[in-house]
Amino acid sequence: MIICKLADIMAANKERNLSDLARRTGLNRATVKSLFNDNFNKIDRNTIDALCKEYNVTPGLLLEYVPDGGTEREKLPCANLTATESN
């Protein structure tokens, strides 16, 4: 399964306001909330692009593949880095 690590990225940047993120990226707040909560069925390419641009990360940091049966989300490898330090 694919998990979204938006919550981890936002935490690494000491950010919690989903409405502000939605405004900055032009994304719908409901979309941002579903990704933040890792509760989504599909994700649009433009959504991935907007979030990657906002946090200056690659899709591989935003999304992670976890084999079926994996129940525990791993910590973001760069959770202690800010978005500008992740490159």
N, C-alpha and C. Protein backbone atom coordinates (compact mmCIF):
# COMPACT_ATOMS: atom_id res chain seq x y z
N MET A 1 0.83 -1.16 0.00
CA MET A 1 0.00 0.00 0.00
C MET A 1 0.89 1.24 0.00
N ILE A 2 0.35 2.33 -0.46
CA ILE A 2 1.07 3.60 -0.50
C ILE A 2 0.59 4.45 0.68
N ILE A 3 1.53 5.01 1.43
CA ILE A 3 1.16 5.91 2.51
C ILE A 3 1.68 7.31 2.20
N CYS A 4 0.99 8.30 2.70
CA CYS A 4 1.38 9.69 2.51
C CYS A 4 2.00 10.20 3.80
N LYS A 5 3.14 10.83 3.68
CA LYS A 5 3.87 11.32 4.84
C LYS A 5 3.76 12.83 5.00
N LEU A 6 2.66 13.40 4.52
CA LEU A 6 2.46 14.83 4.64
C LEU A 6 2.50 15.28 6.10
N ALA A 7 1.89 14.53 6.99
CA ALA A 7 1.89 14.90 8.41
C ALA A 7 3.31 14.96 8.96
N ASP A 8 4.16 14.02 8.56
CA ASP A 8 5.55 13.99 9.02
C ASP A 8 6.32 15.19 8.46
N ILE A 9 6.09 15.51 7.20
CA ILE A 9 6.77 16.64 6.57
C ILE A 9 6.34 17.94 7.24
N MET A 10 5.05 18.08 7.48
CA MET A 10 4.56 19.28 8.15
C MET A 10 5.13 19.38 9.56
N ALA A 11 5.20 18.28 10.27
CA ALA A 11 5.76 18.28 11.62
C ALA A 11 7.24 18.68 11.61
N ALA A 12 7.97 18.19 10.61
CA ALA A 12 9.38 18.52 10.49
C ALA A 12 9.57 20.01 10.24
N ASN A 13 8.56 20.63 9.66
CA ASN A 13 8.61 22.07 9.38
C ASN A 13 7.85 22.87 10.43
N LYS A 14 7.48 22.21 11.52
CA LYS A 14 6.75 22.84 12.63
C LYS A 14 5.50 23.57 12.14
N GLU A 15 4.76 22.87 11.30
CA GLU A 15 3.56 23.43 10.71
C GLU A 15 2.39 22.49 10.96
N ARG A 16 1.22 23.04 11.30
CA ARG A 16 0.07 22.20 11.56
C ARG A 16 -1.21 22.71 10.91
N ASN A 17 -1.18 23.89 10.31
CA ASN A 17 -2.40 24.49 9.80
C ASN A 17 -2.69 24.03 8.38
N LEU A 18 -3.68 23.15 8.24
CA LEU A 18 -4.04 22.59 6.94
C LEU A 18 -4.65 23.65 6.02
N SER A 19 -5.41 24.59 6.59
CA SER A 19 -6.02 25.63 5.78
C SER A 19 -4.97 26.53 5.14
N ASP A 20 -3.93 26.87 5.90
CA ASP A 20 -2.84 27.68 5.34
C ASP A 20 -2.15 26.94 4.21
N LEU A 21 -1.89 25.66 4.40
CA LEU A 21 -1.25 24.87 3.35
C LEU A 21 -2.14 24.82 2.11
N ALA A 22 -3.42 24.64 2.30
CA ALA A 22 -4.35 24.61 1.17
C ALA A 22 -4.31 25.93 0.41
N ARG A 23 -4.30 27.04 1.12
CA ARG A 23 -4.25 28.35 0.46
C ARG A 23 -2.94 28.54 -0.30
N ARG A 24 -1.83 28.18 0.31
CA ARG A 24 -0.52 28.37 -0.34
C ARG A 24 -0.38 27.53 -1.59
N THR A 25 -0.93 26.34 -1.58
CA THR A 25 -0.77 25.42 -2.71
C THR A 25 -1.90 25.49 -3.73
N GLY A 26 -3.02 26.09 -3.34
CA GLY A 26 -4.18 26.12 -4.22
C GLY A 26 -4.96 24.82 -4.22
N LEU A 27 -4.64 23.94 -3.28
CA LEU A 27 -5.35 22.67 -3.17
C LEU A 27 -6.59 22.83 -2.30
N ASN A 28 -7.55 21.96 -2.51
CA ASN A 28 -8.75 21.94 -1.69
C ASN A 28 -8.37 21.49 -0.28
N ARG A 29 -8.96 22.13 0.74
CA ARG A 29 -8.63 21.77 2.12
C ARG A 29 -8.97 20.31 2.41
N ALA A 30 -10.06 19.82 1.84
CA ALA A 30 -10.44 18.41 2.06
C ALA A 30 -9.38 17.46 1.50
N THR A 31 -8.77 17.83 0.39
CA THR A 31 -7.70 17.03 -0.19
C THR A 31 -6.50 17.02 0.74
N VAL A 32 -6.12 18.19 1.22
CA VAL A 32 -4.98 18.30 2.13
C VAL A 32 -5.25 17.49 3.40
N LYS A 33 -6.46 17.59 3.93
CA LYS A 33 -6.80 16.86 5.15
C LYS A 33 -6.73 15.35 4.95
N SER A 34 -7.24 14.87 3.82
CA SER A 34 -7.21 13.42 3.58
C SER A 34 -5.78 12.91 3.43
N LEU A 35 -4.91 13.71 2.81
CA LEU A 35 -3.50 13.31 2.68
C LEU A 35 -2.79 13.39 4.03
N PHE A 36 -3.08 14.44 4.80
CA PHE A 36 -2.50 14.61 6.13
C PHE A 36 -2.85 13.42 7.01
N ASN A 37 -4.08 12.96 6.93
CA ASN A 37 -4.54 11.82 7.73
C ASN A 37 -4.24 10.48 7.09
N ASP A 38 -3.56 10.50 5.94
CA ASP A 38 -3.23 9.28 5.20
C ASP A 38 -4.48 8.45 4.96
N ASN A 39 -5.53 9.13 4.51
CA ASN A 39 -6.82 8.50 4.28
C ASN A 39 -7.31 8.89 2.88
N PHE A 40 -6.68 8.32 1.86
CA PHE A 40 -7.03 8.66 0.48
C PHE A 40 -7.01 7.41 -0.38
N ASN A 41 -7.77 7.46 -1.49
CA ASN A 41 -7.80 6.34 -2.42
C ASN A 41 -6.95 6.60 -3.65
N LYS A 42 -6.88 7.87 -4.06
CA LYS A 42 -6.05 8.23 -5.20
C LYS A 42 -5.55 9.65 -5.01
N ILE A 43 -4.49 9.97 -5.74
CA ILE A 43 -3.90 11.29 -5.62
C ILE A 43 -3.55 11.78 -7.02
N ASP A 44 -3.90 13.01 -7.30
CA ASP A 44 -3.68 13.60 -8.61
C ASP A 44 -2.22 14.04 -8.76
N ARG A 45 -1.71 13.94 -9.96
CA ARG A 45 -0.33 14.35 -10.23
C ARG A 45 -0.09 15.80 -9.86
N ASN A 46 -1.07 16.67 -10.12
CA ASN A 46 -0.92 18.09 -9.79
C ASN A 46 -0.86 18.31 -8.28
N THR A 47 -1.53 17.47 -7.52
CA THR A 47 -1.48 17.55 -6.07
C THR A 47 -0.09 17.19 -5.56
N ILE A 48 0.47 16.11 -6.09
CA ILE A 48 1.84 15.72 -5.72
C ILE A 48 2.80 16.84 -6.07
N ASP A 49 2.65 17.39 -7.26
CA ASP A 49 3.53 18.47 -7.72
C ASP A 49 3.45 19.67 -6.78
N ALA A 50 2.24 20.09 -6.42
CA ALA A 50 2.06 21.26 -5.56
C ALA A 50 2.70 21.05 -4.19
N LEU A 51 2.53 19.87 -3.60
CA LEU A 51 3.09 19.60 -2.29
C LEU A 51 4.62 19.47 -2.35
N CYS A 52 5.12 18.84 -3.38
CA CYS A 52 6.57 18.72 -3.53
C CYS A 52 7.21 20.10 -3.71
N LYS A 53 6.57 20.96 -4.49
CA LYS A 53 7.09 22.33 -4.66
C LYS A 53 7.04 23.09 -3.35
N GLU A 54 5.95 22.98 -2.63
CA GLU A 54 5.78 23.72 -1.37
C GLU A 54 6.85 23.36 -0.36
N TYR A 55 7.17 22.08 -0.25
CA TYR A 55 8.12 21.63 0.76
C TYR A 55 9.50 21.29 0.20
N ASN A 56 9.66 21.49 -1.10
CA ASN A 56 10.95 21.23 -1.75
C ASN A 56 11.44 19.80 -1.46
N VAL A 57 10.53 18.85 -1.68
CA VAL A 57 10.84 17.44 -1.48
C VAL A 57 10.52 16.67 -2.76
N THR A 58 10.99 15.45 -2.84
CA THR A 58 10.68 14.58 -3.96
C THR A 58 9.44 13.77 -3.65
N PRO A 59 8.78 13.23 -4.67
CA PRO A 59 7.62 12.36 -4.40
C PRO A 59 7.97 11.18 -3.50
N GLY A 60 9.22 10.72 -3.56
CA GLY A 60 9.64 9.61 -2.72
C GLY A 60 9.66 9.93 -1.23
N LEU A 61 9.76 11.21 -0.88
CA LEU A 61 9.67 11.60 0.52
C LEU A 61 8.22 11.83 0.94
N LEU A 62 7.39 12.22 -0.01
CA LEU A 62 5.98 12.47 0.27
C LEU A 62 5.18 11.18 0.37
N LEU A 63 5.51 10.23 -0.50
CA LEU A 63 4.77 8.96 -0.58
C LEU A 63 5.74 7.81 -0.34
N GLU A 64 5.24 6.76 0.30
CA GLU A 64 6.08 5.60 0.58
C GLU A 64 5.29 4.32 0.34
N TYR A 65 5.95 3.34 -0.25
CA TYR A 65 5.34 2.03 -0.44
C TYR A 65 5.63 1.17 0.79
N VAL A 66 4.56 0.60 1.35
CA VAL A 66 4.68 -0.33 2.47
C VAL A 66 4.02 -1.63 2.03
N PRO A 67 4.75 -2.74 2.04
CA PRO A 67 4.15 -4.01 1.61
C PRO A 67 2.87 -4.31 2.38
N ASP A 68 1.94 -4.98 1.72
CA ASP A 68 0.69 -5.37 2.39
C ASP A 68 1.00 -6.12 3.67
N GLY A 69 0.22 -5.85 4.68
CA GLY A 69 0.45 -6.45 5.98
C GLY A 69 1.26 -5.55 6.88
N GLY A 70 1.92 -4.54 6.30
CA GLY A 70 2.66 -3.58 7.12
C GLY A 70 1.69 -2.68 7.85
N THR A 71 1.76 -2.67 9.16
CA THR A 71 0.80 -1.89 9.92
C THR A 71 1.42 -0.66 10.55
N GLU A 72 2.71 -0.61 10.64
CA GLU A 72 3.37 0.48 11.34
C GLU A 72 4.02 1.43 10.35
N ARG A 73 3.65 2.70 10.43
CA ARG A 73 4.28 3.71 9.59
C ARG A 73 5.67 4.00 10.13
N GLU A 74 6.63 4.00 9.25
CA GLU A 74 7.99 4.33 9.66
C GLU A 74 8.14 5.84 9.72
N LYS A 75 9.09 6.29 10.51
CA LYS A 75 9.37 7.71 10.60
C LYS A 75 9.98 8.20 9.29
N LEU A 76 9.69 9.42 8.94
CA LEU A 76 10.27 10.04 7.76
C LEU A 76 11.78 10.07 7.94
N PRO A 77 12.55 9.59 6.95
CA PRO A 77 14.00 9.53 7.11
C PRO A 77 14.63 10.88 7.46
N CYS A 78 14.03 11.95 7.00
CA CYS A 78 14.60 13.27 7.26
C CYS A 78 13.69 14.09 8.17
N ALA A 79 13.03 13.43 9.10
CA ALA A 79 12.04 14.10 9.96
C ALA A 79 12.66 15.26 10.75
N ASN A 80 13.96 15.22 10.98
CA ASN A 80 14.58 16.29 11.74
C ASN A 80 15.08 17.42 10.84
N LEU A 81 14.81 17.34 9.54
CA LEU A 81 15.24 18.37 8.60
C LEU A 81 14.07 19.26 8.22
N THR A 82 14.37 20.50 7.92
CA THR A 82 13.34 21.37 7.36
C THR A 82 13.31 21.14 5.87
N ALA A 83 12.30 21.66 5.20
CA ALA A 83 12.14 21.43 3.77
C ALA A 83 13.35 21.90 2.99
N THR A 84 13.96 22.99 3.35
CA THR A 84 15.11 23.51 2.60
C THR A 84 16.36 22.69 2.80
N GLU A 85 16.42 21.91 3.87
CA GLU A 85 17.59 21.07 4.13
C GLU A 85 17.46 19.68 3.52
N SER A 86 16.30 19.33 2.99
CA SER A 86 16.07 17.96 2.53
C SER A 86 16.72 17.66 1.20
N ASN A 87 17.24 18.64 0.51
CA ASN A 87 17.89 18.36 -0.80
C ASN A 87 19.34 18.16 -0.64
